[in-house]
Amino acid sequence: MRWPELLGKNGTAAKATIEKENPEVTAEILTRGRVGPPTFCCNRVFVIVDTHGDVTNIPTIG
């Protein structure tokens, strides 16, 4: 599952949207350039944000 409509939106709002639309996943906000865990996880979504807190990558489960 992907959320392309959240690209450019506020990261906190994107996290809330993802968790509301799919309560089985946990969304984690990461600042661009920070590395998350290397393992795939079917119930995790990384919300990558810039220094202004806006989503820079399409959030995707994994």
PDB file of N, CA and C in Angstrom:
ATOM      1  N   MET A   1       0.845  -1.173   0.000  1.00  0.00           N
ATOM      2  CA  MET A   1       0.000   0.000   0.000  1.00  0.00           C
ATOM      3  C   MET A   1       0.888   1.233   0.000  1.00  0.00           C
ATOM      4  N   ARG A   2       0.473   2.230  -0.774  1.00  0.00           N
ATOM      5  CA  ARG A   2       1.235   3.477  -0.898  1.00  0.00           C
ATOM      6  C   ARG A   2       0.297   4.668  -0.712  1.00  0.00           C
ATOM      7  N   TRP A   3       0.869   5.802  -0.352  1.00  0.00           N
ATOM      8  CA  TRP A   3       0.107   7.024  -0.150  1.00  0.00           C
ATOM      9  C   TRP A   3       0.729   8.172  -0.950  1.00  0.00           C
ATOM     10  N   PRO A   4       0.646   8.145  -2.285  1.00  0.00           N
ATOM     11  CA  PRO A   4       1.250   9.205  -3.098  1.00  0.00           C
ATOM     12  C   PRO A   4       0.613  10.575  -2.862  1.00  0.00           C
ATOM     13  N   GLU A   5      -0.633  10.602  -2.421  1.00  0.00           N
ATOM     14  CA  GLU A   5      -1.322  11.872  -2.183  1.00  0.00           C
ATOM     15  C   GLU A   5      -0.734  12.647  -1.006  1.00  0.00           C
ATOM     16  N   LEU A   6       0.125  12.000  -0.202  1.00  0.00           N
ATOM     17  CA  LEU A   6       0.723  12.659   0.959  1.00  0.00           C
ATOM     18  C   LEU A   6       2.051  13.342   0.644  1.00  0.00           C
ATOM     19  N   LEU A   7       2.557  13.152  -0.555  1.00  0.00           N
ATOM     20  CA  LEU A   7       3.816  13.785  -0.964  1.00  0.00           C
ATOM     21  C   LEU A   7       3.679  15.306  -0.859  1.00  0.00           C
ATOM     22  N   GLY A   8       4.587  15.939  -0.128  1.00  0.00           N
ATOM     23  CA  GLY A   8       4.567  17.386   0.054  1.00  0.00           C
ATOM     24  C   GLY A   8       3.724  17.859   1.233  1.00  0.00           C
ATOM     25  N   LYS A   9       2.982  16.958   1.850  1.00  0.00           N
ATOM     26  CA  LYS A   9       2.137  17.316   2.995  1.00  0.00           C
ATOM     27  C   LYS A   9       2.961  17.313   4.282  1.00  0.00           C
ATOM     28  N   ASN A  10       2.396  17.843   5.341  1.00  0.00           N
ATOM     29  CA  ASN A  10       3.040  17.851   6.646  1.00  0.00           C
ATOM     30  C   ASN A  10       3.210  16.417   7.146  1.00  0.00           C
ATOM     31  N   GLY A  11       4.395  16.084   7.667  1.00  0.00           N
ATOM     32  CA  GLY A  11       4.698  14.724   8.098  1.00  0.00           C
ATOM     33  C   GLY A  11       3.820  14.212   9.225  1.00  0.00           C
ATOM     34  N   THR A  12       3.516  15.065  10.184  1.00  0.00           N
ATOM     35  CA  THR A  12       2.670  14.651  11.300  1.00  0.00           C
ATOM     36  C   THR A  12       1.254  14.344  10.820  1.00  0.00           C
ATOM     37  N   ALA A  13       0.746  15.176   9.929  1.00  0.00           N
ATOM     38  CA  ALA A  13      -0.585  14.938   9.357  1.00  0.00           C
ATOM     39  C   ALA A  13      -0.578  13.666   8.512  1.00  0.00           C
ATOM     40  N   ALA A  14       0.512  13.441   7.773  1.00  0.00           N
ATOM     41  CA  ALA A  14       0.631  12.235   6.947  1.00  0.00           C
ATOM     42  C   ALA A  14       0.630  10.986   7.824  1.00  0.00           C
ATOM     43  N   LYS A  15       1.370  11.027   8.922  1.00  0.00           N
ATOM     44  CA  LYS A  15       1.409   9.895   9.864  1.00  0.00           C
ATOM     45  C   LYS A  15       0.005   9.583  10.370  1.00  0.00           C
ATOM     46  N   ALA A  16      -0.732  10.611  10.753  1.00  0.00           N
ATOM     47  CA  ALA A  16      -2.093  10.421  11.260  1.00  0.00           C
ATOM     48  C   ALA A  16      -3.005   9.833  10.186  1.00  0.00           C
ATOM     49  N   THR A  17      -2.876  10.308   8.956  1.00  0.00           N
ATOM     50  CA  THR A  17      -3.692   9.801   7.849  1.00  0.00           C
ATOM     51  C   THR A  17      -3.418   8.329   7.604  1.00  0.00           C
ATOM     52  N   ILE A  18      -2.146   7.962   7.561  1.00  0.00           N
ATOM     53  CA  ILE A  18      -1.757   6.571   7.308  1.00  0.00           C
ATOM     54  C   ILE A  18      -2.314   5.654   8.390  1.00  0.00           C
ATOM     55  N   GLU A  19      -2.125   6.038   9.640  1.00  0.00           N
ATOM     56  CA  GLU A  19      -2.571   5.195  10.751  1.00  0.00           C
ATOM     57  C   GLU A  19      -4.100   5.144  10.852  1.00  0.00           C
ATOM     58  N   LYS A  20      -4.785   6.182  10.380  1.00  0.00           N
ATOM     59  CA  LYS A  20      -6.251   6.165  10.366  1.00  0.00           C
ATOM     60  C   LYS A  20      -6.762   5.257   9.248  1.00  0.00           C
ATOM     61  N   GLU A  21      -6.134   5.368   8.059  1.00  0.00           N
ATOM     62  CA  GLU A  21      -6.568   4.572   6.912  1.00  0.00           C
ATOM     63  C   GLU A  21      -6.227   3.095   7.062  1.00  0.00           C
ATOM     64  N   ASN A  22      -5.134   2.800   7.773  1.00  0.00           N
ATOM     65  CA  ASN A  22      -4.734   1.411   7.974  1.00  0.00           C
ATOM     66  C   ASN A  22      -4.258   1.241   9.416  1.00  0.00           C
ATOM     67  N   PRO A  23      -5.174   0.951  10.343  1.00  0.00           N
ATOM     68  CA  PRO A  23      -4.820   0.831  11.760  1.00  0.00           C
ATOM     69  C   PRO A  23      -3.853  -0.312  12.074  1.00  0.00           C
ATOM     70  N   GLU A  24      -3.604  -1.180  11.110  1.00  0.00           N
ATOM     71  CA  GLU A  24      -2.682  -2.305  11.312  1.00  0.00           C
ATOM     72  C   GLU A  24      -1.217  -1.896  11.163  1.00  0.00           C
ATOM     73  N   VAL A  25      -0.952  -0.657  10.696  1.00  0.00           N
ATOM     74  CA  VAL A  25       0.434  -0.230  10.495  1.00  0.00           C
ATOM     75  C   VAL A  25       0.817   0.856  11.489  1.00  0.00           C
ATOM     76  N   THR A  26       2.117   0.981  11.693  1.00  0.00           N
ATOM     77  CA  THR A  26       2.687   2.055  12.492  1.00  0.00           C
ATOM     78  C   THR A  26       3.502   2.927  11.561  1.00  0.00           C
ATOM     79  N   ALA A  27       3.230   4.210  11.566  1.00  0.00           N
ATOM     80  CA  ALA A  27       3.992   5.146  10.743  1.00  0.00           C
ATOM     81  C   ALA A  27       5.067   5.793  11.609  1.00  0.00           C
ATOM     82  N   GLU A  28       6.279   5.860  11.068  1.00  0.00           N
ATOM     83  CA  GLU A  28       7.398   6.476  11.777  1.00  0.00           C
ATOM     84  C   GLU A  28       7.935   7.613  10.932  1.00  0.00           C
ATOM     85  N   ILE A  29       8.104   8.775  11.545  1.00  0.00           N
ATOM     86  CA  ILE A  29       8.638   9.935  10.838  1.00  0.00           C
ATOM     87  C   ILE A  29      10.157   9.921  10.945  1.00  0.00           C
ATOM     88  N   LEU A  30      10.816  10.016   9.794  1.00  0.00           N
ATOM     89  CA  LEU A  30      12.276  10.083   9.735  1.00  0.00           C
ATOM     90  C   LEU A  30      12.672  11.316   8.935  1.00  0.00           C
ATOM     91  N   THR A  31      13.706  12.014   9.402  1.00  0.00           N
ATOM     92  CA  THR A  31      14.230  13.140   8.647  1.00  0.00           C
ATOM     93  C   THR A  31      15.050  12.621   7.477  1.00  0.00           C
ATOM     94  N   ARG A  32      14.889  13.250   6.319  1.00  0.00           N
ATOM     95  CA  ARG A  32      15.606  12.850   5.109  1.00  0.00           C
ATOM     96  C   ARG A  32      17.103  12.738   5.411  1.00  0.00           C
ATOM     97  N   GLY A  33      17.718  11.646   4.974  1.00  0.00           N
ATOM     98  CA  GLY A  33      19.135  11.408   5.217  1.00  0.00           C
ATOM     99  C   GLY A  33      19.387  10.474   6.389  1.00  0.00           C
ATOM    100  N   ARG A  34      18.421  10.350   7.275  1.00  0.00           N
ATOM    101  CA  ARG A  34      18.547   9.419   8.403  1.00  0.00           C
ATOM    102  C   ARG A  34      18.176   8.024   7.917  1.00  0.00           C
ATOM    103  N   VAL A  35      18.927   7.052   8.325  1.00  0.00           N
ATOM    104  CA  VAL A  35      18.700   5.682   7.872  1.00  0.00           C
ATOM    105  C   VAL A  35      17.832   4.949   8.882  1.00  0.00           C
ATOM    106  N   GLY A  36      16.785   4.305   8.373  1.00  0.00           N
ATOM    107  CA  GLY A  36      15.918   3.495   9.224  1.00  0.00           C
ATOM    108  C   GLY A  36      16.440   2.073   9.287  1.00  0.00           C
ATOM    109  N   PRO A  37      15.781   1.219  10.032  1.00  0.00           N
ATOM    110  CA  PRO A  37      16.185  -0.188  10.109  1.00  0.00           C
ATOM    111  C   PRO A  37      16.196  -0.823   8.716  1.00  0.00           C
ATOM    112  N   PRO A  38      17.165  -1.678   8.427  1.00  0.00           N
ATOM    113  CA  PRO A  38      17.310  -2.253   7.086  1.00  0.00           C
ATOM    114  C   PRO A  38      16.326  -3.374   6.763  1.00  0.00           C
ATOM    115  N   THR A  39      15.552  -3.804   7.728  1.00  0.00           N
ATOM    116  CA  THR A  39      14.663  -4.941   7.503  1.00  0.00           C
ATOM    117  C   THR A  39      13.293  -4.500   7.011  1.00  0.00           C
ATOM    118  N   PHE A  40      12.695  -5.343   6.157  1.00  0.00           N
ATOM    119  CA  PHE A  40      11.332  -5.110   5.686  1.00  0.00           C
ATOM    120  C   PHE A  40      10.372  -5.460   6.812  1.00  0.00           C
ATOM    121  N   CYS A  41       9.361  -4.658   6.978  1.00  0.00           N
ATOM    122  CA  CYS A  41       8.350  -4.929   8.000  1.00  0.00           C
ATOM    123  C   CYS A  41       6.985  -4.621   7.391  1.00  0.00           C
ATOM    124  N   CYS A  42       6.115  -5.605   7.358  1.00  0.00           N
ATOM    125  CA  CYS A  42       4.828  -5.469   6.671  1.00  0.00           C
ATOM    126  C   CYS A  42       3.821  -4.602   7.416  1.00  0.00           C
ATOM    127  N   ASN A  43       4.177  -4.118   8.589  1.00  0.00           N
ATOM    128  CA  ASN A  43       3.251  -3.241   9.313  1.00  0.00           C
ATOM    129  C   ASN A  43       3.910  -1.922   9.727  1.00  0.00           C
ATOM    130  N   ARG A  44       4.888  -1.487   8.923  1.00  0.00           N
ATOM    131  CA  ARG A  44       5.587  -0.232   9.213  1.00  0.00           C
ATOM    132  C   ARG A  44       5.636   0.623   7.952  1.00  0.00           C
ATOM    133  N   VAL A  45       5.463   1.920   8.154  1.00  0.00           N
ATOM    134  CA  VAL A  45       5.584   2.887   7.067  1.00  0.00           C
ATOM    135  C   VAL A  45       6.527   3.984   7.542  1.00  0.00           C
ATOM    136  N   PHE A  46       7.573   4.242   6.770  1.00  0.00           N
ATOM    137  CA  PHE A  46       8.441   5.375   7.070  1.00  0.00           C
ATOM    138  C   PHE A  46       7.909   6.596   6.339  1.00  0.00           C
ATOM    139  N   VAL A  47       7.720   7.679   7.077  1.00  0.00           N
ATOM    140  CA  VAL A  47       7.318   8.958   6.500  1.00  0.00           C
ATOM    141  C   VAL A  47       8.581   9.815   6.505  1.00  0.00           C
ATOM    142  N   ILE A  48       9.184   9.983   5.332  1.00  0.00           N
ATOM    143  CA  ILE A  48      10.437  10.730   5.213  1.00  0.00           C
ATOM    144  C   ILE A  48      10.106  12.206   5.013  1.00  0.00           C
ATOM    145  N   VAL A  49      10.662  13.059   5.881  1.00  0.00           N
ATOM    146  CA  VAL A  49      10.372  14.490   5.818  1.00  0.00           C
ATOM    147  C   VAL A  49      11.657  15.298   5.654  1.00  0.00           C
ATOM    148  N   ASP A  50      11.495  16.531   5.138  1.00  0.00           N
ATOM    149  CA  ASP A  50      12.623  17.448   5.026  1.00  0.00           C
ATOM    150  C   ASP A  50      12.748  18.246   6.328  1.00  0.00           C
ATOM    151  N   THR A  51      13.623  19.240   6.336  1.00  0.00           N
ATOM    152  CA  THR A  51      13.851  20.021   7.554  1.00  0.00           C
ATOM    153  C   THR A  51      12.646  20.876   7.939  1.00  0.00           C
ATOM    154  N   HIS A  52      11.706  21.058   7.016  1.00  0.00           N
ATOM    155  CA  HIS A  52      10.480  21.811   7.301  1.00  0.00           C
ATOM    156  C   HIS A  52       9.353  20.895   7.782  1.00  0.00           C
ATOM    157  N   GLY A  53       9.599  19.569   7.770  1.00  0.00           N
ATOM    158  CA  GLY A  53       8.596  18.615   8.217  1.00  0.00           C
ATOM    159  C   GLY A  53       7.642  18.158   7.138  1.00  0.00           C
ATOM    160  N   ASP A  54       7.972  18.459   5.864  1.00  0.00           N
ATOM    161  CA  ASP A  54       7.116  18.060   4.750  1.00  0.00           C
ATOM    162  C   ASP A  54       7.587  16.741   4.144  1.00  0.00           C
ATOM    163  N   VAL A  55       6.641  15.904   3.740  1.00  0.00           N
ATOM    164  CA  VAL A  55       6.924  14.579   3.188  1.00  0.00           C
ATOM    165  C   VAL A  55       7.664  14.707   1.853  1.00  0.00           C
ATOM    166  N   THR A  56       8.811  14.009   1.743  1.00  0.00           N
ATOM    167  CA  THR A  56       9.637  14.098   0.532  1.00  0.00           C
ATOM    168  C   THR A  56       9.627  12.829  -0.313  1.00  0.00           C
ATOM    169  N   ASN A  57       9.170  11.717   0.245  1.00  0.00           N
ATOM    170  CA  ASN A  57       9.093  10.445  -0.481  1.00  0.00           C
ATOM    171  C   ASN A  57       7.688   9.884  -0.303  1.00  0.00           C
ATOM    172  N   ILE A  58       7.219   9.133  -1.285  1.00  0.00           N
ATOM    173  CA  ILE A  58       5.894   8.528  -1.173  1.00  0.00           C
ATOM    174  C   ILE A  58       5.926   7.471  -0.067  1.00  0.00           C
ATOM    175  N   PRO A  59       5.123   7.651   0.986  1.00  0.00           N
ATOM    176  CA  PRO A  59       5.079   6.647   2.053  1.00  0.00           C
ATOM    177  C   PRO A  59       4.560   5.305   1.517  1.00  0.00           C
ATOM    178  N   THR A  60       5.285   4.238   1.851  1.00  0.00           N
ATOM    179  CA  THR A  60       4.965   2.894   1.372  1.00  0.00           C
ATOM    180  C   THR A  60       5.163   1.908   2.513  1.00  0.00           C
ATOM    181  N   ILE A  61       4.282   0.932   2.623  1.00  0.00           N
ATOM    182  CA  ILE A  61       4.455  -0.099   3.649  1.00  0.00           C
ATOM    183  C   ILE A  61       5.745  -0.859   3.383  1.00  0.00           C
ATOM    184  N   GLY A  62       6.483  -1.121   4.435  1.00  0.00           N
ATOM    185  CA  GLY A  62       7.712  -1.883   4.298  1.00  0.00           C
ATOM    186  C   GLY A  62       8.768  -1.274   5.107  1.00  0.00           C
TER     187      GLY A  62
END
